[in-house]
N, C-alpha and C. Protein backbone atom coordinates (compact mmCIF):
# COMPACT_ATOMS: atom_id res chain seq x y z
N UNK A 1 -48.89 -10.06 -33.46
CA UNK A 1 -47.47 -10.29 -33.35
C UNK A 1 -47.18 -11.53 -32.51
N UNK A 2 -48.07 -11.86 -31.60
CA UNK A 2 -47.86 -13.06 -30.81
C UNK A 2 -47.86 -14.30 -31.70
N UNK A 3 -48.63 -14.29 -32.78
CA UNK A 3 -48.64 -15.43 -33.70
C UNK A 3 -47.25 -15.70 -34.24
N UNK A 4 -46.45 -14.65 -34.39
CA UNK A 4 -45.10 -14.78 -34.90
C UNK A 4 -44.26 -15.64 -33.95
N UNK A 5 -44.53 -15.55 -32.66
CA UNK A 5 -43.74 -16.25 -31.65
C UNK A 5 -44.31 -17.61 -31.26
N UNK A 6 -45.57 -17.83 -31.52
CA UNK A 6 -46.27 -19.00 -31.01
C UNK A 6 -45.66 -20.35 -31.38
N UNK A 7 -45.21 -20.59 -32.63
CA UNK A 7 -44.69 -21.93 -32.95
C UNK A 7 -43.51 -22.36 -32.08
N UNK A 8 -42.54 -21.50 -31.88
CA UNK A 8 -41.38 -21.87 -31.07
C UNK A 8 -41.77 -22.08 -29.61
N UNK A 9 -42.65 -21.24 -29.10
CA UNK A 9 -43.10 -21.38 -27.71
C UNK A 9 -43.87 -22.68 -27.55
N UNK A 10 -44.76 -22.98 -28.50
CA UNK A 10 -45.54 -24.22 -28.43
C UNK A 10 -44.62 -25.44 -28.50
N UNK A 11 -43.62 -25.38 -29.37
CA UNK A 11 -42.69 -26.51 -29.47
C UNK A 11 -41.93 -26.68 -28.17
N UNK A 12 -41.48 -25.57 -27.59
CA UNK A 12 -40.75 -25.64 -26.33
C UNK A 12 -41.62 -26.19 -25.20
N UNK A 13 -42.88 -25.79 -25.19
CA UNK A 13 -43.79 -26.27 -24.14
C UNK A 13 -44.02 -27.76 -24.26
N UNK A 14 -43.94 -28.27 -25.48
CA UNK A 14 -44.15 -29.69 -25.70
C UNK A 14 -42.95 -30.54 -25.33
N UNK A 15 -41.86 -29.93 -25.00
CA UNK A 15 -40.67 -30.69 -24.61
C UNK A 15 -40.83 -31.20 -23.18
N UNK A 16 -39.85 -31.99 -22.75
CA UNK A 16 -40.01 -32.68 -21.47
C UNK A 16 -39.54 -31.91 -20.25
N UNK A 17 -38.89 -30.76 -20.44
CA UNK A 17 -38.39 -30.05 -19.27
C UNK A 17 -38.47 -28.55 -19.44
N UNK A 18 -38.43 -27.86 -18.31
CA UNK A 18 -38.42 -26.40 -18.33
C UNK A 18 -37.14 -25.87 -18.97
N UNK A 19 -36.04 -26.60 -18.83
CA UNK A 19 -34.78 -26.17 -19.46
C UNK A 19 -34.94 -26.10 -20.97
N UNK A 20 -35.61 -27.09 -21.53
CA UNK A 20 -35.84 -27.07 -22.98
C UNK A 20 -36.80 -25.96 -23.36
N UNK A 21 -37.81 -25.73 -22.54
CA UNK A 21 -38.75 -24.63 -22.80
C UNK A 21 -37.99 -23.31 -22.81
N UNK A 22 -37.09 -23.12 -21.88
CA UNK A 22 -36.29 -21.89 -21.83
C UNK A 22 -35.50 -21.71 -23.11
N UNK A 23 -34.93 -22.80 -23.61
CA UNK A 23 -34.18 -22.73 -24.86
C UNK A 23 -35.07 -22.20 -26.00
N UNK A 24 -36.29 -22.72 -26.10
CA UNK A 24 -37.19 -22.29 -27.16
C UNK A 24 -37.70 -20.86 -26.92
N UNK A 25 -37.81 -20.46 -25.68
CA UNK A 25 -38.16 -19.07 -25.39
C UNK A 25 -37.04 -18.13 -25.84
N UNK A 26 -35.81 -18.57 -25.69
CA UNK A 26 -34.68 -17.79 -26.20
C UNK A 26 -34.74 -17.69 -27.72
N UNK A 27 -35.11 -18.79 -28.38
CA UNK A 27 -35.28 -18.75 -29.84
C UNK A 27 -36.37 -17.75 -30.22
N UNK A 28 -37.44 -17.74 -29.45
CA UNK A 28 -38.54 -16.80 -29.72
C UNK A 28 -38.07 -15.37 -29.54
N UNK A 29 -37.26 -15.15 -28.52
CA UNK A 29 -36.75 -13.79 -28.30
C UNK A 29 -35.86 -13.36 -29.47
N UNK A 30 -35.06 -14.28 -29.98
CA UNK A 30 -34.23 -13.98 -31.14
C UNK A 30 -35.08 -13.64 -32.36
N UNK A 31 -36.15 -14.40 -32.56
CA UNK A 31 -37.06 -14.13 -33.68
C UNK A 31 -37.73 -12.77 -33.51
N UNK A 32 -38.05 -12.45 -32.28
CA UNK A 32 -38.66 -11.14 -32.01
C UNK A 32 -37.71 -10.01 -32.36
N UNK A 33 -36.44 -10.18 -32.07
CA UNK A 33 -35.45 -9.17 -32.42
C UNK A 33 -35.27 -9.07 -33.94
N UNK A 34 -35.40 -10.20 -34.62
CA UNK A 34 -35.38 -10.16 -36.09
C UNK A 34 -36.56 -9.35 -36.62
N UNK A 35 -37.72 -9.56 -36.02
CA UNK A 35 -38.90 -8.81 -36.41
C UNK A 35 -38.71 -7.31 -36.17
N UNK A 36 -38.12 -6.99 -35.03
CA UNK A 36 -37.84 -5.59 -34.71
C UNK A 36 -36.97 -4.96 -35.80
N UNK A 37 -35.95 -5.68 -36.24
CA UNK A 37 -35.08 -5.20 -37.31
C UNK A 37 -35.86 -4.97 -38.59
N UNK A 38 -36.76 -5.89 -38.91
CA UNK A 38 -37.56 -5.75 -40.13
C UNK A 38 -38.48 -4.54 -40.06
N UNK A 39 -39.01 -4.25 -38.89
CA UNK A 39 -39.85 -3.06 -38.72
C UNK A 39 -39.02 -1.80 -38.94
N UNK A 40 -37.82 -1.77 -38.37
CA UNK A 40 -36.93 -0.62 -38.58
C UNK A 40 -36.65 -0.42 -40.07
N UNK A 41 -36.33 -1.51 -40.75
CA UNK A 41 -36.03 -1.43 -42.18
C UNK A 41 -37.25 -0.96 -42.97
N UNK A 42 -38.40 -1.54 -42.67
CA UNK A 42 -39.63 -1.15 -43.38
C UNK A 42 -39.94 0.32 -43.17
N UNK A 43 -39.68 0.81 -41.98
CA UNK A 43 -39.91 2.22 -41.69
C UNK A 43 -38.93 3.11 -42.44
N UNK A 44 -37.67 2.72 -42.41
CA UNK A 44 -36.64 3.50 -43.10
C UNK A 44 -36.87 3.56 -44.60
N UNK A 45 -37.40 2.49 -45.17
CA UNK A 45 -37.66 2.44 -46.61
C UNK A 45 -39.05 2.98 -46.96
N UNK A 46 -39.74 3.49 -45.95
CA UNK A 46 -41.07 4.08 -46.11
C UNK A 46 -42.11 3.07 -46.60
N UNK A 47 -41.93 1.80 -46.25
CA UNK A 47 -42.94 0.79 -46.56
C UNK A 47 -44.11 0.88 -45.58
N UNK A 48 -43.81 1.34 -44.37
CA UNK A 48 -44.86 1.57 -43.38
C UNK A 48 -44.67 2.97 -42.81
N UNK A 49 -45.77 3.53 -42.33
CA UNK A 49 -45.72 4.87 -41.74
C UNK A 49 -44.99 4.82 -40.40
N UNK A 50 -44.40 5.94 -40.05
CA UNK A 50 -43.65 6.02 -38.80
C UNK A 50 -44.53 5.70 -37.59
N UNK A 51 -45.77 6.18 -37.62
CA UNK A 51 -46.68 5.91 -36.50
C UNK A 51 -46.95 4.41 -36.35
N UNK A 52 -47.08 3.72 -37.47
CA UNK A 52 -47.30 2.27 -37.45
C UNK A 52 -46.05 1.56 -36.92
N UNK A 53 -44.89 2.01 -37.37
CA UNK A 53 -43.64 1.42 -36.90
C UNK A 53 -43.50 1.60 -35.39
N UNK A 54 -43.82 2.78 -34.89
CA UNK A 54 -43.73 3.02 -33.44
C UNK A 54 -44.67 2.11 -32.68
N UNK A 55 -45.87 1.92 -33.21
CA UNK A 55 -46.83 1.02 -32.57
C UNK A 55 -46.30 -0.42 -32.55
N UNK A 56 -45.79 -0.88 -33.68
CA UNK A 56 -45.25 -2.23 -33.76
C UNK A 56 -44.05 -2.41 -32.83
N UNK A 57 -43.18 -1.42 -32.80
CA UNK A 57 -42.00 -1.51 -31.93
C UNK A 57 -42.39 -1.51 -30.46
N UNK A 58 -43.46 -0.82 -30.14
CA UNK A 58 -43.97 -0.85 -28.77
C UNK A 58 -44.47 -2.24 -28.42
N UNK A 59 -45.15 -2.88 -29.36
CA UNK A 59 -45.60 -4.25 -29.14
C UNK A 59 -44.42 -5.21 -29.00
N UNK A 60 -43.41 -5.02 -29.82
CA UNK A 60 -42.20 -5.85 -29.72
C UNK A 60 -41.59 -5.69 -28.34
N UNK A 61 -41.50 -4.47 -27.87
CA UNK A 61 -40.92 -4.22 -26.55
C UNK A 61 -41.73 -4.91 -25.45
N UNK A 62 -43.06 -4.81 -25.54
CA UNK A 62 -43.92 -5.45 -24.55
C UNK A 62 -43.74 -6.97 -24.56
N UNK A 63 -43.69 -7.55 -25.75
CA UNK A 63 -43.49 -9.00 -25.86
C UNK A 63 -42.11 -9.42 -25.34
N UNK A 64 -41.10 -8.62 -25.63
CA UNK A 64 -39.75 -8.93 -25.14
C UNK A 64 -39.72 -8.92 -23.62
N UNK A 65 -40.39 -7.95 -23.02
CA UNK A 65 -40.44 -7.89 -21.56
C UNK A 65 -41.15 -9.12 -20.99
N UNK A 66 -42.25 -9.51 -21.63
CA UNK A 66 -43.00 -10.68 -21.17
C UNK A 66 -42.15 -11.95 -21.32
N UNK A 67 -41.48 -12.10 -22.44
CA UNK A 67 -40.62 -13.27 -22.65
C UNK A 67 -39.50 -13.30 -21.62
N UNK A 68 -38.86 -12.16 -21.39
CA UNK A 68 -37.78 -12.10 -20.41
C UNK A 68 -38.28 -12.45 -19.01
N UNK A 69 -39.46 -11.96 -18.66
CA UNK A 69 -40.02 -12.27 -17.34
C UNK A 69 -40.30 -13.76 -17.22
N UNK A 70 -40.84 -14.37 -18.27
CA UNK A 70 -41.12 -15.80 -18.24
C UNK A 70 -39.83 -16.60 -18.14
N UNK A 71 -38.84 -16.22 -18.93
CA UNK A 71 -37.54 -16.91 -18.88
C UNK A 71 -36.94 -16.82 -17.49
N UNK A 72 -36.94 -15.62 -16.91
CA UNK A 72 -36.37 -15.45 -15.57
C UNK A 72 -37.13 -16.23 -14.52
N UNK A 73 -38.46 -16.26 -14.65
CA UNK A 73 -39.28 -17.01 -13.70
C UNK A 73 -38.98 -18.51 -13.79
N UNK A 74 -38.88 -19.02 -15.00
CA UNK A 74 -38.57 -20.45 -15.17
C UNK A 74 -37.17 -20.77 -14.64
N UNK A 75 -36.22 -19.87 -14.90
CA UNK A 75 -34.86 -20.11 -14.38
C UNK A 75 -34.86 -20.17 -12.86
N UNK A 76 -35.62 -19.29 -12.23
CA UNK A 76 -35.69 -19.28 -10.77
C UNK A 76 -36.33 -20.56 -10.25
N UNK A 77 -37.37 -21.05 -10.93
CA UNK A 77 -38.04 -22.26 -10.47
C UNK A 77 -37.14 -23.49 -10.64
N UNK A 78 -36.29 -23.47 -11.65
CA UNK A 78 -35.35 -24.58 -11.84
C UNK A 78 -34.29 -24.56 -10.74
N UNK A 79 -33.82 -23.35 -10.39
CA UNK A 79 -32.78 -23.21 -9.39
C UNK A 79 -33.27 -23.54 -7.99
N UNK A 80 -34.57 -23.44 -7.76
CA UNK A 80 -35.12 -23.67 -6.41
C UNK A 80 -35.19 -25.12 -6.03
């Protein structure tokens, strides 16, 4: 699932400032929420088993927490 987020994060890291990186991290978080929606839909339509959906949603939650922590850390370093 991290591969899903990597392009936006890599692009943001290649920019010239942490503010731009934060912007791309926000884009990644939005994409992650889109993925979460797709997992819900796939589960509801019985394309994937409920146990698989729960596992994927747990990974989404973990990635969201990590992204939020990184965003908050970068915001604090900019403010300092």
